[in-house]
N, C-alpha and C. Protein backbone atom coordinates (compact mmCIF):
# COMPACT_ATOMS: atom_id res chain seq x y z
N MET A 1 120.71 116.42 50.30
CA MET A 1 120.32 114.98 50.77
C MET A 1 120.75 114.55 52.14
N ALA A 2 122.16 114.51 52.36
CA ALA A 2 122.89 114.29 54.03
C ALA A 2 121.71 115.37 54.47
N ALA A 3 121.59 116.50 54.51
CA ALA A 3 120.61 117.26 55.50
C ALA A 3 119.58 116.22 55.94
N LEU A 4 118.71 115.86 54.50
CA LEU A 4 117.34 115.40 54.71
C LEU A 4 117.35 114.35 55.34
N LEU A 5 119.04 113.34 55.26
CA LEU A 5 118.99 112.22 56.07
C LEU A 5 118.72 112.03 57.43
N ILE A 6 119.57 113.71 57.97
CA ILE A 6 119.70 113.71 59.22
C ILE A 6 118.36 114.57 59.88
N VAL A 7 117.61 115.14 59.16
CA VAL A 7 116.08 115.49 59.92
C VAL A 7 115.29 114.38 59.80
N VAL A 8 115.39 113.58 59.25
CA VAL A 8 114.47 112.29 59.07
C VAL A 8 114.70 111.44 60.42
N SER A 9 116.16 111.19 60.48
CA SER A 9 116.75 110.40 61.56
C SER A 9 116.07 110.85 62.98
N VAL A 10 116.48 112.67 62.99
CA VAL A 10 116.13 113.03 64.27
C VAL A 10 114.86 112.85 64.31
N VAL A 11 113.60 113.16 63.63
CA VAL A 11 112.39 112.99 63.73
C VAL A 11 112.07 111.87 64.18
N ALA A 12 112.28 110.55 63.23
CA ALA A 12 112.18 109.36 64.04
C ALA A 12 112.72 108.92 65.34
N GLY A 13 114.06 109.39 65.52
CA GLY A 13 114.49 109.28 67.03
C GLY A 13 113.72 109.99 68.13
N TRP A 14 113.20 111.23 67.65
CA TRP A 14 112.17 111.68 68.40
C TRP A 14 110.93 110.62 68.69
N ILE A 15 110.68 110.47 67.78
CA ILE A 15 108.89 109.45 67.94
C ILE A 15 109.23 108.34 68.60
N ALA A 16 110.49 107.62 68.57
CA ALA A 16 110.79 106.43 68.72
C ALA A 16 111.59 106.62 70.57
N ILE A 17 111.67 107.72 70.67
CA ILE A 17 111.93 108.05 72.56
C ILE A 17 110.73 108.20 73.12
N GLY A 18 109.49 108.57 72.16
CA GLY A 18 107.98 108.90 72.65
C GLY A 18 107.63 107.59 72.79
N HIS A 19 107.62 106.77 72.07
CA HIS A 19 107.08 105.52 71.90
C HIS A 19 107.46 104.47 73.08
N LEU A 20 109.50 104.74 73.37
CA LEU A 20 109.62 104.01 74.40
C LEU A 20 109.47 104.82 75.80
N ALA A 21 109.14 105.67 75.55
CA ALA A 21 109.05 105.87 77.48
C ALA A 21 107.42 105.86 77.51
N ALA A 22 106.40 106.13 76.67
CA ALA A 22 104.95 105.31 76.51
C ALA A 22 105.00 104.16 77.42
N ALA A 23 106.05 102.90 76.45
CA ALA A 23 105.71 102.11 76.80
C ALA A 23 106.45 101.38 78.34
N THR A 24 107.48 102.32 78.50
CA THR A 24 108.31 102.17 79.57
C THR A 24 106.97 102.61 80.98
N GLN A 25 106.42 103.92 80.50
CA GLN A 25 105.47 104.12 81.62
C GLN A 25 104.23 103.16 81.91
N ARG A 26 103.59 102.63 80.69
CA ARG A 26 102.98 101.44 81.08
C ARG A 26 103.22 100.54 81.89
N GLY A 27 104.63 99.74 81.28
CA GLY A 27 105.11 98.74 82.29
C GLY A 27 105.33 99.50 84.02
N ILE A 28 105.97 100.60 83.79
CA ILE A 28 105.90 100.87 85.52
C ILE A 28 104.45 100.68 85.97
N ALA A 29 103.40 101.19 85.46
CA ALA A 29 102.42 101.33 86.10
C ALA A 29 101.77 99.95 86.21
N ARG A 30 101.77 99.41 85.07
CA ARG A 30 101.56 97.47 85.72
C ARG A 30 102.30 97.17 86.86
N THR A 31 103.46 97.50 86.94
CA THR A 31 104.00 96.91 88.01
C THR A 31 103.70 97.56 89.15
N GLU A 32 103.51 99.04 89.10
CA GLU A 32 102.67 99.26 90.34
C GLU A 32 101.22 98.56 90.92
N LEU A 33 101.00 98.66 90.19
CA LEU A 33 99.37 97.59 90.36
C LEU A 33 100.07 96.59 90.75
N ALA A 34 100.86 95.47 90.38
CA ALA A 34 101.31 94.12 90.65
C ALA A 34 101.71 94.55 92.28
N LEU A 35 102.75 95.19 92.54
CA LEU A 35 103.12 95.41 93.45
C LEU A 35 102.01 95.75 94.57
N ALA A 36 101.00 96.79 94.36
CA ALA A 36 100.24 96.77 95.17
C ALA A 36 98.96 95.48 95.60
N SER A 37 98.91 94.78 94.44
CA SER A 37 98.30 93.77 94.80
C SER A 37 99.13 93.05 95.71
N ALA A 38 100.47 92.99 95.44
CA ALA A 38 101.05 91.39 96.20
C ALA A 38 101.08 92.37 97.68
N ARG A 39 100.90 93.25 97.89
CA ARG A 39 101.23 94.51 98.98
C ARG A 39 99.98 93.71 100.02
N ASP A 40 98.89 93.92 99.38
CA ASP A 40 97.38 93.72 100.13
C ASP A 40 97.47 92.41 100.21
N LEU A 41 97.99 91.32 99.49
CA LEU A 41 97.92 90.05 99.69
C LEU A 41 98.79 89.65 100.88
N ALA A 42 100.24 90.42 100.73
CA ALA A 42 100.94 90.22 102.27
C ALA A 42 100.63 90.89 103.31
N SER A 43 99.69 91.71 103.30
CA SER A 43 99.03 92.30 104.52
C SER A 43 98.19 91.33 105.42
N ASP A 44 97.20 90.76 104.22
CA ASP A 44 96.23 90.02 104.53
C ASP A 44 96.63 88.71 104.93
N THR A 45 97.50 88.20 104.36
CA THR A 45 98.64 86.93 104.50
C THR A 45 99.29 87.29 106.17
N ALA A 46 99.57 88.22 106.63
CA ALA A 46 100.25 88.49 107.68
C ALA A 46 99.11 88.53 108.94
N ASP A 47 98.05 89.13 108.51
CA ASP A 47 96.78 89.07 109.14
C ASP A 47 96.19 87.73 109.48
N SER A 48 96.41 86.80 108.53
CA SER A 48 95.56 85.64 108.87
C SER A 48 97.05 84.73 109.86
N ALA A 49 98.14 85.14 109.14
CA ALA A 49 98.80 84.60 110.15
C ALA A 49 99.19 84.51 111.43
N SER A 50 98.73 85.90 112.03
CA SER A 50 98.57 86.11 113.30
C SER A 50 97.32 85.57 113.92
N GLU A 51 96.19 85.57 113.20
CA GLU A 51 95.10 84.77 113.68
C GLU A 51 95.34 83.67 114.02
N LEU A 52 96.02 82.93 112.84
CA LEU A 52 96.53 81.19 113.60
C LEU A 52 97.27 81.19 114.33
N GLN A 53 98.48 82.50 114.07
CA GLN A 53 99.11 82.19 115.75
C GLN A 53 98.47 82.17 116.63
N ARG A 54 97.33 83.01 117.18
CA ARG A 54 96.35 83.14 118.23
C ARG A 54 95.75 81.67 118.42
N ILE A 55 95.01 81.50 117.25
CA ILE A 55 94.42 79.79 117.43
C ILE A 55 95.27 78.85 118.01
N VAL A 56 96.47 78.69 117.54
CA VAL A 56 97.69 77.71 117.79
C VAL A 56 97.81 77.92 119.70
N GLY A 57 98.08 79.37 120.08
CA GLY A 57 97.87 79.07 121.33
C GLY A 57 96.55 79.14 122.28
N LEU A 58 95.53 79.02 121.18
CA LEU A 58 94.22 78.72 122.11
C LEU A 58 94.30 76.89 122.32
N VAL A 59 94.73 76.66 121.16
CA VAL A 59 94.54 75.22 121.16
C VAL A 59 95.33 74.45 121.87
N GLY A 60 96.90 75.08 121.60
CA GLY A 60 97.73 74.38 122.69
C GLY A 60 97.23 74.47 124.39
N ASP A 61 96.76 75.79 124.57
CA ASP A 61 96.43 75.74 126.23
C ASP A 61 94.78 74.90 126.36
N GLY A 62 94.36 74.58 125.03
CA GLY A 62 92.93 73.98 125.36
C GLY A 62 93.27 72.14 125.47
N LEU A 63 94.59 71.82 124.51
CA LEU A 63 95.24 70.49 124.92
C LEU A 63 95.46 69.90 126.14
N GLY A 64 96.25 71.36 127.04
CA GLY A 64 96.65 71.33 128.06
C GLY A 64 95.40 70.75 128.88
N SER A 65 94.67 72.10 129.20
CA SER A 65 93.55 71.80 129.93
C SER A 65 92.64 70.28 129.41
N THR A 66 92.78 69.86 128.76
CA THR A 66 92.01 68.43 128.31
C THR A 66 92.72 67.21 129.06
N SER A 67 94.12 67.79 128.89
CA SER A 67 94.89 66.76 129.55
C SER A 67 94.93 66.62 130.76
N ASP A 68 94.87 67.92 131.50
CA ASP A 68 94.57 67.95 133.05
C ASP A 68 93.18 66.87 133.37
N ALA A 69 92.36 67.35 132.56
CA ALA A 69 91.29 66.82 133.02
C ALA A 69 91.23 65.32 132.84
N LEU A 70 91.54 65.17 131.74
CA LEU A 70 91.78 63.35 131.86
C LEU A 70 92.64 63.15 132.98
N VAL A 71 93.80 63.50 133.37
CA VAL A 71 94.28 63.31 134.62
C VAL A 71 93.28 63.14 135.14
N ALA A 72 92.24 63.88 135.78
CA ALA A 72 91.62 64.32 136.59
C ALA A 72 90.86 62.97 136.75
N THR A 73 90.03 62.92 135.68
CA THR A 73 88.80 61.70 135.44
C THR A 73 89.34 60.74 135.64
N ARG A 74 90.67 60.29 135.42
CA ARG A 74 91.35 58.80 135.45
C ARG A 74 91.47 58.33 137.20
N GLN A 75 91.92 59.78 137.66
CA GLN A 75 92.04 59.79 138.81
C GLN A 75 90.83 59.22 139.87
N VAL A 76 89.57 59.76 139.32
CA VAL A 76 88.29 59.31 140.01
C VAL A 76 87.80 58.38 139.72
N SER A 77 88.15 57.85 138.32
CA SER A 77 87.89 56.41 138.03
C SER A 77 88.74 55.54 138.70
N SER A 78 89.69 55.81 139.02
CA SER A 78 90.78 54.72 139.69
C SER A 78 90.16 54.89 141.41
N ASN A 79 90.02 55.82 142.13
CA ASN A 79 89.02 55.62 143.23
C ASN A 79 87.84 54.68 143.47
N VAL A 80 86.95 55.43 141.92
CA VAL A 80 85.56 54.42 142.18
C VAL A 80 85.82 53.08 142.29
N ARG A 81 87.09 52.64 141.37
CA ARG A 81 87.26 51.32 140.99
C ARG A 81 87.40 50.75 142.47
N ARG A 82 88.63 51.25 143.07
CA ARG A 82 89.05 50.89 144.27
C ARG A 82 88.00 50.33 145.51
N PHE A 83 87.29 51.76 145.60
CA PHE A 83 86.21 51.64 146.16
C PHE A 83 85.21 50.42 145.83
N LEU A 84 84.86 50.07 144.43
CA LEU A 84 84.48 48.60 143.68
C LEU A 84 84.59 47.72 144.15
N ASP A 85 85.78 47.83 144.25
CA ASP A 85 86.61 46.62 144.42
C ASP A 85 86.76 45.99 145.76
N LEU A 86 86.09 46.97 146.74
CA LEU A 86 85.80 46.34 148.03
C LEU A 86 84.76 46.08 148.07
N ALA A 87 83.46 45.90 147.21
CA ALA A 87 82.45 45.72 147.20
C ALA A 87 81.90 44.50 146.25
N SER A 88 83.38 44.04 145.65
CA SER A 88 83.42 43.22 144.51
C SER A 88 82.55 41.69 144.85
N PHE A 89 81.90 41.74 145.96
CA PHE A 89 81.00 40.49 146.22
C PHE A 89 79.65 40.79 145.19
N ILE A 90 79.06 41.56 144.71
CA ILE A 90 78.02 41.91 143.89
C ILE A 90 78.52 41.84 142.15
N ASN A 91 78.15 40.93 141.27
CA ASN A 91 78.66 40.89 140.03
C ASN A 91 78.50 41.91 139.30
N SER A 92 77.68 42.71 139.25
CA SER A 92 77.69 43.70 138.56
C SER A 92 78.62 45.05 138.69
N VAL A 93 78.85 44.91 139.94
CA VAL A 93 80.32 45.93 140.35
C VAL A 93 81.40 45.25 139.78
N ASP A 94 81.68 44.22 139.36
CA ASP A 94 82.69 43.27 139.03
C ASP A 94 82.90 44.13 137.25
N ASP A 95 81.59 44.07 136.84
CA ASP A 95 81.68 44.45 135.41
C ASP A 95 81.98 46.07 135.40
N LEU A 96 81.52 46.70 136.17
CA LEU A 96 81.62 48.03 136.44
C LEU A 96 83.22 48.25 136.56
N SER A 97 83.51 47.47 137.42
CA SER A 97 84.99 47.78 137.56
C SER A 97 86.16 47.66 136.48
N ALA A 98 85.62 46.28 135.68
CA ALA A 98 86.31 46.03 134.70
C ALA A 98 86.20 47.01 133.51
N SER A 99 84.94 47.74 133.29
CA SER A 99 84.92 49.07 132.43
C SER A 99 85.54 50.24 132.97
N LEU A 100 85.53 50.59 134.10
CA LEU A 100 86.20 51.76 134.59
C LEU A 100 87.94 51.52 134.18
N ARG A 101 88.18 50.25 134.43
CA ARG A 101 89.42 50.19 134.22
C ARG A 101 90.14 50.12 133.11
N ASP A 102 89.11 49.74 131.75
CA ASP A 102 89.18 49.73 130.39
C ASP A 102 89.39 51.41 129.98
N ALA A 103 88.51 52.32 130.61
CA ALA A 103 88.36 53.41 130.54
C ALA A 103 89.44 54.10 131.31
N GLU A 104 90.12 53.89 132.05
CA GLU A 104 91.34 54.50 132.55
C GLU A 104 92.66 54.39 131.67
N ALA A 105 92.32 52.82 130.69
CA ALA A 105 93.28 52.54 130.07
C ALA A 105 93.55 53.58 128.97
N THR A 106 92.12 53.84 128.24
CA THR A 106 91.73 54.36 127.25
C THR A 106 92.13 56.03 126.88
N ILE A 107 91.76 56.57 128.71
CA ILE A 107 92.02 57.91 128.85
C ILE A 107 93.88 58.13 128.75
N ALA A 108 94.46 57.01 129.32
CA ALA A 108 95.95 57.04 129.63
C ALA A 108 96.59 57.56 128.14
N THR A 109 96.01 56.55 127.26
CA THR A 109 96.50 56.61 125.75
C THR A 109 96.19 58.05 125.30
N VAL A 110 94.89 58.80 125.23
CA VAL A 110 94.38 59.83 124.90
C VAL A 110 95.53 60.97 125.84
N GLU A 111 95.70 60.56 126.89
CA GLU A 111 96.86 61.93 127.49
C GLU A 111 98.18 61.72 126.98
N VAL A 112 98.51 60.69 126.28
CA VAL A 112 99.69 60.46 125.75
C VAL A 112 99.82 61.03 124.48
N ASP A 113 98.54 60.95 123.65
CA ASP A 113 98.88 61.87 122.49
C ASP A 113 98.53 63.07 122.66
N LEU A 114 97.78 63.47 123.28
CA LEU A 114 97.50 64.71 123.88
C LEU A 114 98.51 65.75 123.86
N ASP A 115 99.22 64.77 124.87
CA ASP A 115 100.86 65.61 125.70
C ASP A 115 101.76 65.53 124.42
N GLU A 116 101.58 64.87 123.15
CA GLU A 116 102.55 64.68 121.88
C GLU A 116 101.66 65.94 120.88
N ALA A 117 100.51 66.16 121.13
CA ALA A 117 100.13 66.97 120.24
C ALA A 117 100.58 68.56 120.94
N SER A 118 100.57 68.47 122.34
CA SER A 118 100.60 70.17 123.18
C SER A 118 102.06 70.16 123.01
N GLY A 119 103.15 69.35 122.88
CA GLY A 119 104.39 69.35 122.78
C GLY A 119 104.48 69.81 121.26
N ALA A 120 103.97 69.09 120.26
CA ALA A 120 103.98 69.55 118.92
C ALA A 120 103.69 71.07 118.47
N VAL A 121 102.92 71.46 119.13
CA VAL A 121 101.97 72.99 119.50
C VAL A 121 103.04 73.86 119.98
N ASP A 122 103.77 73.39 120.78
CA ASP A 122 104.37 74.09 121.54
C ASP A 122 105.84 74.76 120.69
N GLU A 123 106.41 73.47 119.85
CA GLU A 123 107.54 73.58 118.83
C GLU A 123 107.17 74.12 118.03
N ALA A 124 106.25 74.43 117.36
CA ALA A 124 106.00 75.22 116.19
C ALA A 124 105.42 76.58 116.30
N ALA A 125 105.05 76.69 118.00
CA ALA A 125 104.66 78.14 118.27
C ALA A 125 105.83 78.92 117.99
N PRO A 126 107.26 78.75 118.08
CA PRO A 126 108.36 79.74 117.66
C PRO A 126 108.42 79.88 115.97
N VAL A 127 108.26 79.12 115.39
CA VAL A 127 108.73 78.89 113.91
C VAL A 127 107.44 80.07 113.86
N LEU A 128 106.13 79.42 114.03
CA LEU A 128 105.20 80.57 113.66
C LEU A 128 105.30 81.74 113.83
N ASP A 129 105.91 82.38 115.36
CA ASP A 129 106.42 83.63 115.73
C ASP A 129 107.18 84.21 114.71
N SER A 130 108.06 83.46 114.14
CA SER A 130 109.16 83.96 113.25
C SER A 130 108.65 84.05 111.88
N THR A 131 107.53 83.41 111.65
CA THR A 131 106.93 83.90 110.03
C THR A 131 106.03 84.60 110.47
N VAL A 132 105.27 84.94 111.28
CA VAL A 132 104.60 85.98 111.43
C VAL A 132 105.32 87.29 111.58
N ALA A 133 106.32 87.14 112.08
CA ALA A 133 107.33 88.55 112.23
C ALA A 133 107.58 88.87 110.87
N SER A 134 108.13 87.98 110.07
CA SER A 134 108.49 88.43 108.66
C SER A 134 107.52 88.71 108.09
N LEU A 135 106.47 87.92 107.94
CA LEU A 135 105.01 88.28 106.87
C LEU A 135 104.68 89.78 107.13
N LYS A 136 105.03 90.45 108.33
CA LYS A 136 104.22 91.71 108.79
C LYS A 136 105.52 92.47 108.31
N GLY A 137 106.82 92.25 107.86
CA GLY A 137 107.90 93.46 107.43
C GLY A 137 107.47 93.41 105.94
N ILE A 138 106.75 92.48 105.59
CA ILE A 138 106.54 92.47 103.60
C ILE A 138 105.97 93.83 103.33
N PRO A 139 104.70 94.22 103.87
CA PRO A 139 103.84 95.00 103.41
C PRO A 139 104.66 96.01 103.16
N GLY A 140 105.58 96.39 104.50
CA GLY A 140 106.47 98.00 104.24
C GLY A 140 107.47 97.53 103.31
N GLN A 141 108.09 96.58 103.06
CA GLN A 141 109.17 96.37 101.52
C GLN A 141 108.66 96.93 100.95
N LEU A 142 107.21 96.49 100.75
CA LEU A 142 106.36 96.70 99.01
C LEU A 142 106.34 98.14 99.15
N ASP A 143 105.94 98.67 99.95
CA ASP A 143 105.63 99.87 100.15
C ASP A 143 106.73 100.70 99.68
N GLU A 144 107.80 100.71 99.81
CA GLU A 144 109.03 101.07 99.48
C GLU A 144 109.06 101.09 98.00
N SER A 145 109.09 99.65 97.69
CA SER A 145 109.06 99.48 96.10
C SER A 145 107.97 100.25 95.13
N ILE A 146 106.80 100.37 95.48
CA ILE A 146 105.84 100.85 95.28
C ILE A 146 106.42 102.50 95.33
N ALA A 147 106.97 103.07 96.29
CA ALA A 147 107.20 104.66 96.33
C ALA A 147 108.43 104.95 95.22
N GLU A 148 109.23 103.58 95.52
CA GLU A 148 110.64 103.77 93.79
C GLU A 148 109.69 103.99 92.69
N VAL A 149 108.87 102.75 92.50
CA VAL A 149 108.37 102.75 91.37
C VAL A 149 107.25 104.07 90.78
N ARG A 150 106.93 104.91 91.69
CA ARG A 150 106.40 105.91 91.06
C ARG A 150 107.05 107.05 91.09
N SER A 151 108.55 107.34 92.05
CA SER A 151 109.61 108.01 91.34
C SER A 151 110.28 107.67 90.13
N SER A 152 110.35 106.52 89.94
CA SER A 152 110.83 106.12 88.67
C SER A 152 109.81 106.54 87.12
N ALA A 153 108.51 106.81 87.26
CA ALA A 153 107.85 106.97 86.30
C ALA A 153 107.56 108.49 86.39
N SER A 154 107.76 109.23 87.42
CA SER A 154 107.68 110.58 87.49
C SER A 154 108.98 110.92 86.95
N ARG A 155 110.38 110.49 87.04
CA ARG A 155 111.57 110.96 86.28
C ARG A 155 111.34 110.50 84.28
N ILE A 156 110.23 109.64 84.17
CA ILE A 156 110.56 109.05 82.77
C ILE A 156 110.20 110.56 81.79
N GLY A 157 109.40 111.55 82.05
CA GLY A 157 109.37 112.37 81.19
C GLY A 157 110.12 113.36 81.10
N GLU A 158 111.11 113.29 82.63
CA GLU A 158 112.06 114.47 82.32
C GLU A 158 113.40 113.94 81.16
N GLN A 159 113.25 112.34 81.53
CA GLN A 159 114.40 111.84 80.68
C GLN A 159 114.00 111.79 79.34
N VAL A 160 112.60 111.60 78.74
CA VAL A 160 112.14 111.72 77.41
C VAL A 160 113.20 113.32 76.64
N TRP A 161 112.31 114.01 77.93
CA TRP A 161 113.22 115.64 77.20
C TRP A 161 114.32 115.74 76.88
N LEU A 162 115.28 114.86 77.93
CA LEU A 162 116.46 115.05 77.79
C LEU A 162 116.94 114.46 76.34
N TRP A 163 116.53 112.99 76.34
CA TRP A 163 117.05 112.32 74.96
C TRP A 163 116.41 113.05 73.61
N ARG A 164 115.23 113.60 73.81
CA ARG A 164 115.01 114.69 72.42
C ARG A 164 115.86 115.61 72.34
N LEU A 165 116.17 116.40 73.65
CA LEU A 165 116.99 117.68 73.47
C LEU A 165 118.49 117.69 72.62
N ALA A 166 118.78 116.24 73.34
CA ALA A 166 119.97 115.66 72.83
C ALA A 166 120.22 114.90 71.61
N MET A 167 119.08 114.54 71.07
CA MET A 167 118.93 113.97 69.42
C MET A 167 118.52 115.20 68.58
N ALA A 168 118.02 116.15 68.63
CA ALA A 168 117.81 117.28 68.42
C ALA A 168 119.11 118.28 68.35
N ALA A 169 119.61 118.61 69.10
CA ALA A 169 120.99 119.18 69.35
C ALA A 169 122.45 117.91 68.48
N GLY A 170 122.06 117.15 68.55
CA GLY A 170 122.94 116.06 67.88
C GLY A 170 122.63 116.34 66.12
N GLY A 171 121.63 116.36 65.98
CA GLY A 171 121.03 116.51 64.55
C GLY A 171 121.79 117.88 63.99
N ALA A 172 121.47 118.79 64.88
CA ALA A 172 121.71 120.29 64.74
C ALA A 172 123.39 120.50 64.38
N ALA A 173 124.00 119.93 65.14
CA ALA A 173 125.42 119.99 64.81
C ALA A 173 125.63 119.33 63.82
N LEU A 174 125.27 118.18 63.01
CA LEU A 174 125.54 117.45 62.20
C LEU A 174 125.36 118.47 61.23
N LEU A 175 123.83 119.23 60.91
CA LEU A 175 123.47 119.90 59.98
C LEU A 175 124.92 121.22 59.88
N VAL A 176 124.99 121.77 61.14
CA VAL A 176 126.26 122.78 61.05
C VAL A 176 127.55 122.20 60.43
N VAL A 177 127.96 121.21 60.79
CA VAL A 177 129.32 120.73 60.28
C VAL A 177 128.95 120.46 58.86
N LEU A 178 127.82 120.14 58.34
CA LEU A 178 127.39 120.17 56.74
C LEU A 178 127.66 121.23 56.37
N ALA A 179 127.02 122.07 56.74
CA ALA A 179 127.18 123.64 56.17
C ALA A 179 128.42 123.89 56.37
N LEU A 180 129.22 123.82 57.45
CA LEU A 180 130.78 124.32 57.14
C LEU A 180 131.49 123.66 56.25
N ILE A 181 131.06 122.32 55.69
CA ILE A 181 131.90 121.50 55.10
C ILE A 181 131.56 122.30 53.36
N ALA A 182 130.41 122.51 53.56
CA ALA A 182 129.88 123.37 51.91
C ALA A 182 130.48 124.04 51.76
N ASP A 183 130.42 125.03 52.96
CA ASP A 183 131.21 126.42 52.81
C ASP A 183 132.67 126.35 52.52
N LEU A 184 133.33 125.03 53.09
CA LEU A 184 134.95 125.04 52.95
C LEU A 184 134.71 124.33 51.79
N ARG A 185 133.94 123.50 51.25
CA ARG A 185 134.34 123.69 49.51
C ARG A 185 134.11 124.36 48.62
N ARG A 186 133.02 125.18 49.10
CA ARG A 186 132.91 126.48 48.07
C ARG A 186 134.24 127.33 47.81
N ALA A 187 135.09 127.77 49.23
CA ALA A 187 135.76 128.27 49.39
C ALA A 187 137.16 127.57 48.77
N VAL A 188 137.34 126.05 48.85
CA VAL A 188 138.07 125.53 47.71
C VAL A 188 138.05 126.07 46.46
N ALA A 189 137.15 125.47 46.17
CA ALA A 189 136.49 125.36 44.68
C ALA A 189 136.72 126.90 44.19
N SER A 190 136.68 127.91 45.01
CA SER A 190 136.77 129.49 44.35
C SER A 190 138.36 129.65 44.23
N THR A 191 139.15 129.24 44.96
CA THR A 191 140.34 129.39 45.00
C THR A 191 141.41 128.77 43.94
N GLN A 192 140.52 127.85 43.16
CA GLN A 192 141.33 127.07 42.46
C GLN A 192 141.08 127.57 40.92
N PRO A 193 141.95 127.52 40.29
CA PRO A 193 141.84 128.32 38.78
C PRO A 193 140.51 127.35 38.21
């Protein structure tokens, strides 16, 4: 009876190890797919961040150029207004001069806003550079993780056979021990009257 229980437990262990290995391999395969998807997402995000970095640089340059253009426009307006002030004896010139003065005030306000925006872009650029550098490193790290997962998956088959061998050897050892105990009992029983 004990021998039958040992054989049944070895067979059950053999099957359980196979099921465990299959479940582990499925989990590793899903992990590998998830890591591959994350790697693609990280790569796309790094590319997008690089493009954003380029756009931020262009926006910063554009803000600076626009500010320079507004300064020049305000100076032209101021010069024209001074010339018109000399000819202030014409009423329509007074209206034009007032309009130019209002335009200059508006342009000055826009210049301040553009300078603030340009400063904000300049401040954001180093942070964006650091973010882009970090994002570009993630795909490589995920590639390493994928390689480790693949390596682990290939070793599962080897480990299954080792566990099954250990299970079979342990069962065989127990059967040998039972056989030895049975022989010992017979030997003891044959020596007693």
